[in-house]
Amino acid sequence: MKISVIAHPNSKNPRIEEDLMKVLHVWVKAPPLKGKANKAITEALANFFGIKKGKVTLIRGEKSKNKLFEIG
């Protein structure tokens, strides 16, 4: 399953919300430096879906706010 994500790094309140277009907005405390935010988003998605971190893969958007993840 592929999931569209909009990243919000450096957030004070980490959370995950879905908008009307079925896009997940993921707020994480990690800064967008050296892949720290991507790692935090991967962990947040794994917790959200109740799966292991290894099952969440970043497909597109390594240096962008708009990302595409594969789950499973």
PDB file of N, CA and C in Angstrom:
ATOM      1  N   MET A   1       0.847  -1.167   0.000  1.00  0.00           N
ATOM      2  CA  MET A   1       0.000   0.000   0.000  1.00  0.00           C
ATOM      3  C   MET A   1       0.899   1.238   0.000  1.00  0.00           C
ATOM      4  N   LYS A   2       0.585   2.200  -0.833  1.00  0.00           N
ATOM      5  CA  LYS A   2       1.355   3.433  -0.915  1.00  0.00           C
ATOM      6  C   LYS A   2       0.585   4.564  -0.243  1.00  0.00           C
ATOM      7  N   ILE A   3       1.310   5.350   0.544  1.00  0.00           N
ATOM      8  CA  ILE A   3       0.706   6.419   1.336  1.00  0.00           C
ATOM      9  C   ILE A   3       1.375   7.744   0.995  1.00  0.00           C
ATOM     10  N   SER A   4       0.583   8.757   0.684  1.00  0.00           N
ATOM     11  CA  SER A   4       1.103  10.116   0.485  1.00  0.00           C
ATOM     12  C   SER A   4       1.180  10.799   1.842  1.00  0.00           C
ATOM     13  N   VAL A   5       2.324  11.451   2.088  1.00  0.00           N
ATOM     14  CA  VAL A   5       2.573  12.087   3.382  1.00  0.00           C
ATOM     15  C   VAL A   5       3.085  13.503   3.152  1.00  0.00           C
ATOM     16  N   ILE A   6       2.620  14.427   3.969  1.00  0.00           N
ATOM     17  CA  ILE A   6       3.186  15.774   4.002  1.00  0.00           C
ATOM     18  C   ILE A   6       3.893  15.906   5.341  1.00  0.00           C
ATOM     19  N   ALA A   7       5.184  16.183   5.288  1.00  0.00           N
ATOM     20  CA  ALA A   7       6.020  16.246   6.486  1.00  0.00           C
ATOM     21  C   ALA A   7       6.003  17.637   7.101  1.00  0.00           C
ATOM     22  N   HIS A   8       5.986  17.658   8.422  1.00  0.00           N
ATOM     23  CA  HIS A   8       6.064  18.893   9.189  1.00  0.00           C
ATOM     24  C   HIS A   8       7.145  18.715  10.260  1.00  0.00           C
ATOM     25  N   PRO A   9       8.425  18.910   9.905  1.00  0.00           N
ATOM     26  CA  PRO A   9       9.497  18.735  10.896  1.00  0.00           C
ATOM     27  C   PRO A   9       9.549  19.900  11.883  1.00  0.00           C
ATOM     28  N   ASN A  10      10.337  19.727  12.947  1.00  0.00           N
ATOM     29  CA  ASN A  10      10.519  20.748  13.988  1.00  0.00           C
ATOM     30  C   ASN A  10       9.212  21.141  14.660  1.00  0.00           C
ATOM     31  N   SER A  11       8.328  20.200  14.845  1.00  0.00           N
ATOM     32  CA  SER A  11       7.040  20.479  15.469  1.00  0.00           C
ATOM     33  C   SER A  11       7.127  20.315  16.980  1.00  0.00           C
ATOM     34  N   LYS A  12       6.371  21.126  17.700  1.00  0.00           N
ATOM     35  CA  LYS A  12       6.335  21.006  19.156  1.00  0.00           C
ATOM     36  C   LYS A  12       5.422  19.864  19.592  1.00  0.00           C
ATOM     37  N   ASN A  13       4.389  19.589  18.800  1.00  0.00           N
ATOM     38  CA  ASN A  13       3.419  18.543  19.131  1.00  0.00           C
ATOM     39  C   ASN A  13       3.398  17.471  18.052  1.00  0.00           C
ATOM     40  N   PRO A  14       4.163  16.386  18.212  1.00  0.00           N
ATOM     41  CA  PRO A  14       4.152  15.330  17.191  1.00  0.00           C
ATOM     42  C   PRO A  14       2.783  14.651  17.116  1.00  0.00           C
ATOM     43  N   ARG A  15       2.309  14.464  15.882  1.00  0.00           N
ATOM     44  CA  ARG A  15       1.018  13.808  15.681  1.00  0.00           C
ATOM     45  C   ARG A  15       0.860  13.438  14.212  1.00  0.00           C
ATOM     46  N   ILE A  16      -0.173  12.668  13.930  1.00  0.00           N
ATOM     47  CA  ILE A  16      -0.513  12.291  12.557  1.00  0.00           C
ATOM     48  C   ILE A  16      -1.994  12.576  12.357  1.00  0.00           C
ATOM     49  N   GLU A  17      -2.308  13.282  11.261  1.00  0.00           N
ATOM     50  CA  GLU A  17      -3.697  13.580  10.925  1.00  0.00           C
ATOM     51  C   GLU A  17      -3.910  13.336   9.435  1.00  0.00           C
ATOM     52  N   GLU A  18      -5.136  12.963   9.089  1.00  0.00           N
ATOM     53  CA  GLU A  18      -5.495  12.749   7.691  1.00  0.00           C
ATOM     54  C   GLU A  18      -6.386  13.895   7.232  1.00  0.00           C
ATOM     55  N   ASP A  19      -6.095  14.451   6.041  1.00  0.00           N
ATOM     56  CA  ASP A  19      -6.935  15.546   5.537  1.00  0.00           C
ATOM     57  C   ASP A  19      -8.038  14.988   4.644  1.00  0.00           C
ATOM     58  N   LEU A  20      -8.813  15.872   4.053  1.00  0.00           N
ATOM     59  CA  LEU A  20      -9.954  15.454   3.228  1.00  0.00           C
ATOM     60  C   LEU A  20      -9.548  14.728   1.952  1.00  0.00           C
ATOM     61  N   MET A  21      -8.321  14.955   1.498  1.00  0.00           N
ATOM     62  CA  MET A  21      -7.820  14.312   0.279  1.00  0.00           C
ATOM     63  C   MET A  21      -7.139  12.980   0.567  1.00  0.00           C
ATOM     64  N   LYS A  22      -7.286  12.465   1.800  1.00  0.00           N
ATOM     65  CA  LYS A  22      -6.700  11.193   2.241  1.00  0.00           C
ATOM     66  C   LYS A  22      -5.172  11.230   2.255  1.00  0.00           C
ATOM     67  N   VAL A  23      -4.605  12.402   2.496  1.00  0.00           N
ATOM     68  CA  VAL A  23      -3.161  12.573   2.636  1.00  0.00           C
ATOM     69  C   VAL A  23      -2.855  12.681   4.120  1.00  0.00           C
ATOM     70  N   LEU A  24      -1.849  11.952   4.572  1.00  0.00           N
ATOM     71  CA  LEU A  24      -1.460  12.013   5.974  1.00  0.00           C
ATOM     72  C   LEU A  24      -0.505  13.178   6.206  1.00  0.00           C
ATOM     73  N   HIS A  25      -0.773  13.962   7.224  1.00  0.00           N
ATOM     74  CA  HIS A  25       0.134  15.020   7.661  1.00  0.00           C
ATOM     75  C   HIS A  25       0.822  14.488   8.911  1.00  0.00           C
ATOM     76  N   VAL A  26       2.158  14.458   8.871  1.00  0.00           N
ATOM     77  CA  VAL A  26       2.913  13.905   9.988  1.00  0.00           C
ATOM     78  C   VAL A  26       3.794  14.998  10.577  1.00  0.00           C
ATOM     79  N   TRP A  27       3.532  15.335  11.836  1.00  0.00           N
ATOM     80  CA  TRP A  27       4.327  16.317  12.562  1.00  0.00           C
ATOM     81  C   TRP A  27       5.317  15.552  13.437  1.00  0.00           C
ATOM     82  N   VAL A  28       6.619  15.892  13.324  1.00  0.00           N
ATOM     83  CA  VAL A  28       7.659  15.257  14.141  1.00  0.00           C
ATOM     84  C   VAL A  28       8.555  16.328  14.749  1.00  0.00           C
ATOM     85  N   LYS A  29       9.176  16.002  15.878  1.00  0.00           N
ATOM     86  CA  LYS A  29      10.071  16.938  16.550  1.00  0.00           C
ATOM     87  C   LYS A  29      11.420  17.047  15.852  1.00  0.00           C
ATOM     88  N   ALA A  30      11.815  16.037  15.111  1.00  0.00           N
ATOM     89  CA  ALA A  30      13.140  15.983  14.493  1.00  0.00           C
ATOM     90  C   ALA A  30      13.323  17.071  13.432  1.00  0.00           C
ATOM     91  N   PRO A  31      14.546  17.607  13.329  1.00  0.00           N
ATOM     92  CA  PRO A  31      14.828  18.606  12.293  1.00  0.00           C
ATOM     93  C   PRO A  31      15.044  17.936  10.932  1.00  0.00           C
ATOM     94  N   PRO A  32      14.857  18.686   9.857  1.00  0.00           N
ATOM     95  CA  PRO A  32      15.050  18.105   8.521  1.00  0.00           C
ATOM     96  C   PRO A  32      16.522  18.101   8.100  1.00  0.00           C
ATOM     97  N   LEU A  33      17.384  17.601   8.953  1.00  0.00           N
ATOM     98  CA  LEU A  33      18.820  17.552   8.676  1.00  0.00           C
ATOM     99  C   LEU A  33      19.317  16.112   8.700  1.00  0.00           C
ATOM    100  N   LYS A  34      20.094  15.752   7.691  1.00  0.00           N
ATOM    101  CA  LYS A  34      20.736  14.431   7.609  1.00  0.00           C
ATOM    102  C   LYS A  34      19.746  13.275   7.746  1.00  0.00           C
ATOM    103  N   GLY A  35      18.528  13.454   7.256  1.00  0.00           N
ATOM    104  CA  GLY A  35      17.538  12.384   7.257  1.00  0.00           C
ATOM    105  C   GLY A  35      16.875  12.116   8.600  1.00  0.00           C
ATOM    106  N   LYS A  36      17.102  12.978   9.583  1.00  0.00           N
ATOM    107  CA  LYS A  36      16.517  12.760  10.907  1.00  0.00           C
ATOM    108  C   LYS A  36      14.989  12.818  10.864  1.00  0.00           C
ATOM    109  N   ALA A  37      14.440  13.767  10.132  1.00  0.00           N
ATOM    110  CA  ALA A  37      12.983  13.876  10.036  1.00  0.00           C
ATOM    111  C   ALA A  37      12.399  12.670   9.292  1.00  0.00           C
ATOM    112  N   ASN A  38      13.061  12.217   8.236  1.00  0.00           N
ATOM    113  CA  ASN A  38      12.574  11.045   7.501  1.00  0.00           C
ATOM    114  C   ASN A  38      12.542   9.817   8.408  1.00  0.00           C
ATOM    115  N   LYS A  39      13.568   9.650   9.222  1.00  0.00           N
ATOM    116  CA  LYS A  39      13.618   8.520  10.144  1.00  0.00           C
ATOM    117  C   LYS A  39      12.490   8.624  11.169  1.00  0.00           C
ATOM    118  N   ALA A  40      12.272   9.824  11.700  1.00  0.00           N
ATOM    119  CA  ALA A  40      11.208  10.024  12.683  1.00  0.00           C
ATOM    120  C   ALA A  40       9.830   9.786  12.062  1.00  0.00           C
ATOM    121  N   ILE A  41       9.639  10.207  10.818  1.00  0.00           N
ATOM    122  CA  ILE A  41       8.361   9.983  10.128  1.00  0.00           C
ATOM    123  C   ILE A  41       8.144   8.492   9.901  1.00  0.00           C
ATOM    124  N   THR A  42       9.201   7.777   9.516  1.00  0.00           N
ATOM    125  CA  THR A  42       9.107   6.331   9.320  1.00  0.00           C
ATOM    126  C   THR A  42       8.678   5.645  10.612  1.00  0.00           C
ATOM    127  N   GLU A  43       9.291   6.043  11.731  1.00  0.00           N
ATOM    128  CA  GLU A  43       8.934   5.467  13.026  1.00  0.00           C
ATOM    129  C   GLU A  43       7.494   5.819  13.415  1.00  0.00           C
ATOM    130  N   ALA A  44       7.082   7.054  13.157  1.00  0.00           N
ATOM    131  CA  ALA A  44       5.724   7.476  13.486  1.00  0.00           C
ATOM    132  C   ALA A  44       4.692   6.700  12.666  1.00  0.00           C
ATOM    133  N   LEU A  45       4.976   6.491  11.393  1.00  0.00           N
ATOM    134  CA  LEU A  45       4.055   5.728  10.544  1.00  0.00           C
ATOM    135  C   LEU A  45       3.973   4.273  10.995  1.00  0.00           C
ATOM    136  N   ALA A  46       5.104   3.699  11.383  1.00  0.00           N
ATOM    137  CA  ALA A  46       5.112   2.316  11.868  1.00  0.00           C
ATOM    138  C   ALA A  46       4.254   2.194  13.128  1.00  0.00           C
ATOM    139  N   ASN A  47       4.379   3.145  14.034  1.00  0.00           N
ATOM    140  CA  ASN A  47       3.552   3.132  15.248  1.00  0.00           C
ATOM    141  C   ASN A  47       2.078   3.342  14.918  1.00  0.00           C
ATOM    142  N   PHE A  48       1.796   4.239  13.988  1.00  0.00           N
ATOM    143  CA  PHE A  48       0.423   4.556  13.595  1.00  0.00           C
ATOM    144  C   PHE A  48      -0.291   3.331  13.019  1.00  0.00           C
ATOM    145  N   PHE A  49       0.425   2.570  12.167  1.00  0.00           N
ATOM    146  CA  PHE A  49      -0.172   1.403  11.526  1.00  0.00           C
ATOM    147  C   PHE A  49       0.041   0.119  12.321  1.00  0.00           C
ATOM    148  N   GLY A  50       0.818   0.183  13.408  1.00  0.00           N
ATOM    149  CA  GLY A  50       1.057  -0.984  14.243  1.00  0.00           C
ATOM    150  C   GLY A  50       1.913  -2.043  13.584  1.00  0.00           C
ATOM    151  N   ILE A  51       2.932  -1.617  12.835  1.00  0.00           N
ATOM    152  CA  ILE A  51       3.827  -2.549  12.149  1.00  0.00           C
ATOM    153  C   ILE A  51       5.273  -2.223  12.515  1.00  0.00           C
ATOM    154  N   LYS A  52       6.207  -3.060  12.060  1.00  0.00           N
ATOM    155  CA  LYS A  52       7.627  -2.833  12.320  1.00  0.00           C
ATOM    156  C   LYS A  52       8.167  -1.750  11.399  1.00  0.00           C
ATOM    157  N   LYS A  53       9.221  -1.052  11.859  1.00  0.00           N
ATOM    158  CA  LYS A  53       9.818   0.030  11.068  1.00  0.00           C
ATOM    159  C   LYS A  53      10.332  -0.465   9.723  1.00  0.00           C
ATOM    160  N   GLY A  54      10.783  -1.705   9.668  1.00  0.00           N
ATOM    161  CA  GLY A  54      11.316  -2.267   8.433  1.00  0.00           C
ATOM    162  C   GLY A  54      10.277  -2.421   7.334  1.00  0.00           C
ATOM    163  N   LYS A  55       9.006  -2.374   7.690  1.00  0.00           N
ATOM    164  CA  LYS A  55       7.923  -2.511   6.711  1.00  0.00           C
ATOM    165  C   LYS A  55       7.518  -1.171   6.095  1.00  0.00           C
ATOM    166  N   VAL A  56       8.120  -0.076   6.573  1.00  0.00           N
ATOM    167  CA  VAL A  56       7.816   1.264   6.057  1.00  0.00           C
ATOM    168  C   VAL A  56       9.011   1.744   5.241  1.00  0.00           C
ATOM    169  N   THR A  57       8.776   2.024   3.956  1.00  0.00           N
ATOM    170  CA  THR A  57       9.856   2.405   3.053  1.00  0.00           C
ATOM    171  C   THR A  57       9.538   3.737   2.376  1.00  0.00           C
ATOM    172  N   LEU A  58      10.511   4.646   2.403  1.00  0.00           N
ATOM    173  CA  LEU A  58      10.374   5.922   1.701  1.00  0.00           C
ATOM    174  C   LEU A  58      10.685   5.684   0.230  1.00  0.00           C
ATOM    175  N   ILE A  59       9.707   5.950  -0.622  1.00  0.00           N
ATOM    176  CA  ILE A  59       9.880   5.730  -2.065  1.00  0.00           C
ATOM    177  C   ILE A  59      10.330   7.010  -2.758  1.00  0.00           C
ATOM    178  N   ARG A  60       9.683   8.124  -2.420  1.00  0.00           N
ATOM    179  CA  ARG A  60       9.952   9.383  -3.121  1.00  0.00           C
ATOM    180  C   ARG A  60       9.817  10.537  -2.137  1.00  0.00           C
ATOM    181  N   GLY A  61      10.652  11.566  -2.318  1.00  0.00           N
ATOM    182  CA  GLY A  61      10.534  12.778  -1.531  1.00  0.00           C
ATOM    183  C   GLY A  61      11.516  12.892  -0.387  1.00  0.00           C
ATOM    184  N   GLU A  62      12.694  12.349  -0.558  1.00  0.00           N
ATOM    185  CA  GLU A  62      13.690  12.375   0.513  1.00  0.00           C
ATOM    186  C   GLU A  62      14.001  13.785   1.000  1.00  0.00           C
ATOM    187  N   LYS A  63      14.024  14.747   0.087  1.00  0.00           N
ATOM    188  CA  LYS A  63      14.341  16.131   0.455  1.00  0.00           C
ATOM    189  C   LYS A  63      13.168  17.070   0.213  1.00  0.00           C
ATOM    190  N   SER A  64      11.958  16.533   0.270  1.00  0.00           N
ATOM    191  CA  SER A  64      10.763  17.320   0.000  1.00  0.00           C
ATOM    192  C   SER A  64       9.769  17.164   1.149  1.00  0.00           C
ATOM    193  N   LYS A  65       8.846  18.114   1.263  1.00  0.00           N
ATOM    194  CA  LYS A  65       7.770  17.983   2.256  1.00  0.00           C
ATOM    195  C   LYS A  65       6.760  16.931   1.828  1.00  0.00           C
ATOM    196  N   ASN A  66       6.582  16.794   0.513  1.00  0.00           N
ATOM    197  CA  ASN A  66       5.644  15.811  -0.036  1.00  0.00           C
ATOM    198  C   ASN A  66       6.392  14.502  -0.256  1.00  0.00           C
ATOM    199  N   LYS A  67       5.958  13.465   0.432  1.00  0.00           N
ATOM    200  CA  LYS A  67       6.659  12.180   0.393  1.00  0.00           C
ATOM    201  C   LYS A  67       5.695  11.065   0.022  1.00  0.00           C
ATOM    202  N   LEU A  68       6.258   9.981  -0.474  1.00  0.00           N
ATOM    203  CA  LEU A  68       5.483   8.796  -0.784  1.00  0.00           C
ATOM    204  C   LEU A  68       6.142   7.620  -0.071  1.00  0.00           C
ATOM    205  N   PHE A  69       5.360   6.942   0.778  1.00  0.00           N
ATOM    206  CA  PHE A  69       5.845   5.786   1.529  1.00  0.00           C
ATOM    207  C   PHE A  69       5.107   4.555   1.073  1.00  0.00           C
ATOM    208  N   GLU A  70       5.823   3.418   1.161  1.00  0.00           N
ATOM    209  CA  GLU A  70       5.180   2.130   0.919  1.00  0.00           C
ATOM    210  C   GLU A  70       5.088   1.425   2.264  1.00  0.00           C
ATOM    211  N   ILE A  71       3.911   0.944   2.564  1.00  0.00           N
ATOM    212  CA  ILE A  71       3.650   0.259   3.823  1.00  0.00           C
ATOM    213  C   ILE A  71       3.440  -1.223   3.529  1.00  0.00           C
ATOM    214  N   GLY A  72       4.168  -2.062   4.254  1.00  0.00           N
ATOM    215  CA  GLY A  72       3.969  -3.503   4.098  1.00  0.00           C
ATOM    216  C   GLY A  72       4.945  -4.180   3.290  1.00  0.00           C
TER     217      GLY A  72
END
